[in-house]
Amino acid sequence: MKELVSIQNGQAVTDSLTVAEVFGKRHDSVMRDIRNQKMKLVEAGMDEFIFHNFVEREYQSQQGNFYRKYELTEDAFALVAMSCVTPEAMKFKVEFLQEFKRIKAELQGKTKILTEREQLMASMKLSI
């Protein structure tokens, strides 16, 4: 099985293929569930949320065919996963959420926030 959560464009995401594999669902069923969640969000006027949390991408299958998938942020994943309520699904949801936290902590470690003193020192080094 591939990793549950990865870093894409500087943020932690999973994708609909991974969700389908882990939850033992067909990918077209997961895509349908995602579209249903997006439709409900549109009805609620949450277009901005959709834009930032559900990214539709194209991928190539092993047979060479091109299909659509979604990249999901932690928030989008949580919304989609809420509809899965079996005991097994609950276990997988917890694993996904823990992996999102681990990846986000890794991302935060890569982007160090400088103190005022460190900013001044860096600026001085650049000037010299």
C-alpha atoms as a PDB file:
ATOM      1  CA  MET A   1       0.000   0.000   0.000  1.00  0.00           C
ATOM      2  CA  LYS A   2       1.253   3.468  -0.796  1.00  0.00           C
ATOM      3  CA  GLU A   3       1.581   6.188   1.826  1.00  0.00           C
ATOM      4  CA  LEU A   4      -1.692   7.534   3.226  1.00  0.00           C
ATOM      5  CA  VAL A   5      -0.731  11.201   3.133  1.00  0.00           C
ATOM      6  CA  SER A   6       1.821  13.011   0.991  1.00  0.00           C
ATOM      7  CA  ILE A   7       3.025  16.556   0.435  1.00  0.00           C
ATOM      8  CA  GLN A   8       1.747  18.254  -2.707  1.00  0.00           C
ATOM      9  CA  ASN A   9       2.431  21.933  -3.381  1.00  0.00           C
ATOM     10  CA  GLY A  10       3.517  22.460   0.208  1.00  0.00           C
ATOM     11  CA  GLN A  11       0.499  20.934   1.935  1.00  0.00           C
ATOM     12  CA  ALA A  12      -0.504  17.564   3.325  1.00  0.00           C
ATOM     13  CA  VAL A  13      -2.990  15.716   1.112  1.00  0.00           C
ATOM     14  CA  THR A  14      -4.367  12.288   0.368  1.00  0.00           C
ATOM     15  CA  ASP A  15      -6.174  11.283  -2.785  1.00  0.00           C
ATOM     16  CA  SER A  16      -9.345   9.503  -3.783  1.00  0.00           C
ATOM     17  CA  LEU A  17      -7.390   6.450  -5.001  1.00  0.00           C
ATOM     18  CA  THR A  18      -5.794   5.988  -1.584  1.00  0.00           C
ATOM     19  CA  VAL A  19      -9.132   6.469   0.189  1.00  0.00           C
ATOM     20  CA  ALA A  20     -10.728   3.852  -2.082  1.00  0.00           C
ATOM     21  CA  GLU A  21      -7.894   1.377  -1.503  1.00  0.00           C
ATOM     22  CA  VAL A  22      -7.778   1.777   2.274  1.00  0.00           C
ATOM     23  CA  PHE A  23     -11.548   1.756   2.780  1.00  0.00           C
ATOM     24  CA  GLY A  24     -12.010  -1.170   0.390  1.00  0.00           C
ATOM     25  CA  LYS A  25     -14.316   0.786  -1.917  1.00  0.00           C
ATOM     26  CA  ARG A  26     -14.399   1.145  -5.669  1.00  0.00           C
ATOM     27  CA  HIS A  27     -12.768   4.352  -6.856  1.00  0.00           C
ATOM     28  CA  ASP A  28     -15.874   5.388  -8.802  1.00  0.00           C
ATOM     29  CA  SER A  29     -17.892   5.089  -5.565  1.00  0.00           C
ATOM     30  CA  VAL A  30     -15.416   7.300  -3.706  1.00  0.00           C
ATOM     31  CA  MET A  31     -15.526   9.824  -6.565  1.00  0.00           C
ATOM     32  CA  ARG A  32     -19.339   9.812  -6.332  1.00  0.00           C
ATOM     33  CA  ASP A  33     -19.156  10.390  -2.557  1.00  0.00           C
ATOM     34  CA  ILE A  34     -16.756  13.301  -3.098  1.00  0.00           C
ATOM     35  CA  ARG A  35     -18.981  14.867  -5.750  1.00  0.00           C
ATOM     36  CA  ASN A  36     -21.968  14.530  -3.389  1.00  0.00           C
ATOM     37  CA  GLN A  37     -20.029  16.290  -0.617  1.00  0.00           C
ATOM     38  CA  LYS A  38     -18.965  19.032  -3.027  1.00  0.00           C
ATOM     39  CA  MET A  39     -22.575  19.499  -4.173  1.00  0.00           C
ATOM     40  CA  LYS A  40     -23.694  19.940  -0.558  1.00  0.00           C
ATOM     41  CA  LEU A  41     -20.898  22.452  -0.006  1.00  0.00           C
ATOM     42  CA  VAL A  42     -21.955  24.397  -3.109  1.00  0.00           C
ATOM     43  CA  GLU A  43     -25.520  24.499  -1.772  1.00  0.00           C
ATOM     44  CA  ALA A  44     -24.136  25.872   1.492  1.00  0.00           C
ATOM     45  CA  GLY A  45     -22.218  28.593  -0.363  1.00  0.00           C
ATOM     46  CA  MET A  46     -18.816  27.091   0.464  1.00  0.00           C
ATOM     47  CA  ASP A  47     -17.182  27.533  -2.966  1.00  0.00           C
ATOM     48  CA  GLU A  48     -13.979  28.918  -1.443  1.00  0.00           C
ATOM     49  CA  PHE A  49     -13.662  25.840   0.803  1.00  0.00           C
ATOM     50  CA  ILE A  50     -14.072  23.569  -2.224  1.00  0.00           C
ATOM     51  CA  PHE A  51     -11.436  25.494  -4.175  1.00  0.00           C
ATOM     52  CA  HIS A  52      -8.819  25.114  -1.412  1.00  0.00           C
ATOM     53  CA  ASN A  53      -9.583  21.568  -0.262  1.00  0.00           C
ATOM     54  CA  PHE A  54     -10.694  19.485  -3.275  1.00  0.00           C
ATOM     55  CA  VAL A  55      -8.317  19.489  -6.253  1.00  0.00           C
ATOM     56  CA  GLU A  56      -9.294  17.427  -9.271  1.00  0.00           C
ATOM     57  CA  ARG A  57      -6.315  15.876 -11.073  1.00  0.00           C
ATOM     58  CA  GLU A  58      -5.712  13.483 -13.931  1.00  0.00           C
ATOM     59  CA  TYR A  59      -3.734  10.268 -13.511  1.00  0.00           C
ATOM     60  CA  GLN A  60      -2.685   7.469 -15.832  1.00  0.00           C
ATOM     61  CA  SER A  61      -3.665   3.892 -14.969  1.00  0.00           C
ATOM     62  CA  GLN A  62      -1.305   0.940 -15.374  1.00  0.00           C
ATOM     63  CA  GLN A  63      -3.099   0.177 -18.648  1.00  0.00           C
ATOM     64  CA  GLY A  64      -2.238   3.657 -19.958  1.00  0.00           C
ATOM     65  CA  ASN A  65      -5.756   5.118 -19.682  1.00  0.00           C
ATOM     66  CA  PHE A  66      -6.314   8.566 -18.203  1.00  0.00           C
ATOM     67  CA  TYR A  67      -8.822   9.078 -15.383  1.00  0.00           C
ATOM     68  CA  ARG A  68      -9.770  11.742 -12.837  1.00  0.00           C
ATOM     69  CA  LYS A  69      -9.009  11.666  -9.116  1.00  0.00           C
ATOM     70  CA  TYR A  70      -9.240  14.140  -6.262  1.00  0.00           C
ATOM     71  CA  GLU A  71      -6.499  15.357  -3.975  1.00  0.00           C
ATOM     72  CA  LEU A  72      -8.029  16.015  -0.560  1.00  0.00           C
ATOM     73  CA  THR A  73      -6.738  18.146   2.278  1.00  0.00           C
ATOM     74  CA  GLU A  74      -7.257  16.945   5.827  1.00  0.00           C
ATOM     75  CA  ASP A  75     -10.528  18.908   6.038  1.00  0.00           C
ATOM     76  CA  ALA A  76     -11.843  17.494   2.757  1.00  0.00           C
ATOM     77  CA  PHE A  77     -10.827  13.979   3.786  1.00  0.00           C
ATOM     78  CA  ALA A  78     -12.651  14.381   7.107  1.00  0.00           C
ATOM     79  CA  LEU A  79     -15.864  15.415   5.334  1.00  0.00           C
ATOM     80  CA  VAL A  80     -15.709  12.501   2.896  1.00  0.00           C
ATOM     81  CA  ALA A  81     -14.724   9.968   5.562  1.00  0.00           C
ATOM     82  CA  MET A  82     -17.561  10.993   7.915  1.00  0.00           C
ATOM     83  CA  SER A  83     -19.965   8.953   5.796  1.00  0.00           C
ATOM     84  CA  CYS A  84     -17.996   5.743   6.498  1.00  0.00           C
ATOM     85  CA  VAL A  85     -19.040   4.390   9.890  1.00  0.00           C
ATOM     86  CA  THR A  86     -17.986   0.736  10.096  1.00  0.00           C
ATOM     87  CA  PRO A  87     -15.554  -0.207  12.907  1.00  0.00           C
ATOM     88  CA  GLU A  88     -12.874  -0.871  10.274  1.00  0.00           C
ATOM     89  CA  ALA A  89     -13.497   2.540   8.693  1.00  0.00           C
ATOM     90  CA  MET A  90     -13.139   4.198  12.097  1.00  0.00           C
ATOM     91  CA  LYS A  91      -9.693   2.612  12.490  1.00  0.00           C
ATOM     92  CA  PHE A  92      -8.623   3.840   9.056  1.00  0.00           C
ATOM     93  CA  LYS A  93      -9.925   7.351   9.737  1.00  0.00           C
ATOM     94  CA  VAL A  94      -7.769   7.567  12.854  1.00  0.00           C
ATOM     95  CA  GLU A  95      -4.724   6.318  10.904  1.00  0.00           C
ATOM     96  CA  PHE A  96      -5.287   8.933   8.191  1.00  0.00           C
ATOM     97  CA  LEU A  97      -5.698  11.745  10.719  1.00  0.00           C
ATOM     98  CA  GLN A  98      -2.539  10.708  12.577  1.00  0.00           C
ATOM     99  CA  GLU A  99      -0.641  10.659   9.287  1.00  0.00           C
ATOM    100  CA  PHE A 100      -1.945  14.132   8.384  1.00  0.00           C
ATOM    101  CA  LYS A 101      -0.638  15.411  11.746  1.00  0.00           C
ATOM    102  CA  ARG A 102       2.761  13.763  11.203  1.00  0.00           C
ATOM    103  CA  ILE A 103       3.145  15.220   7.695  1.00  0.00           C
ATOM    104  CA  LYS A 104       2.028  18.693   8.841  1.00  0.00           C
ATOM    105  CA  ALA A 105       4.581  18.594  11.672  1.00  0.00           C
ATOM    106  CA  GLU A 106       7.229  17.622   9.116  1.00  0.00           C
ATOM    107  CA  LEU A 107       6.198  20.546   6.914  1.00  0.00           C
ATOM    108  CA  GLN A 108       6.357  22.971   9.831  1.00  0.00           C
ATOM    109  CA  GLY A 109       9.846  21.737  10.639  1.00  0.00           C
ATOM    110  CA  LYS A 110      11.002  22.622   7.117  1.00  0.00           C
ATOM    111  CA  THR A 111       9.779  26.209   7.324  1.00  0.00           C
ATOM    112  CA  LYS A 112      11.511  27.777  10.266  1.00  0.00           C
ATOM    113  CA  ILE A 113      10.086  31.104  11.402  1.00  0.00           C
ATOM    114  CA  LEU A 114      12.895  33.520  12.168  1.00  0.00           C
ATOM    115  CA  THR A 115      12.946  35.697  15.258  1.00  0.00           C
ATOM    116  CA  GLU A 116      13.451  39.439  14.832  1.00  0.00           C
ATOM    117  CA  ARG A 117      17.115  39.041  15.764  1.00  0.00           C
ATOM    118  CA  GLU A 118      17.600  36.232  13.209  1.00  0.00           C
ATOM    119  CA  GLN A 119      15.872  38.335  10.538  1.00  0.00           C
ATOM    120  CA  LEU A 120      18.174  41.274  11.309  1.00  0.00           C
ATOM    121  CA  MET A 121      21.268  39.039  11.183  1.00  0.00           C
ATOM    122  CA  ALA A 122      20.172  37.527   7.850  1.00  0.00           C
ATOM    123  CA  SER A 123      19.530  40.994   6.457  1.00  0.00           C
ATOM    124  CA  MET A 124      22.955  42.176   7.592  1.00  0.00           C
ATOM    125  CA  LYS A 125      24.640  39.156   5.984  1.00  0.00           C
ATOM    126  CA  LEU A 126      22.894  39.926   2.716  1.00  0.00           C
ATOM    127  CA  SER A 127      24.033  43.552   2.896  1.00  0.00           C
ATOM    128  CA  ILE A 128      27.661  42.546   3.365  1.00  0.00           C
END
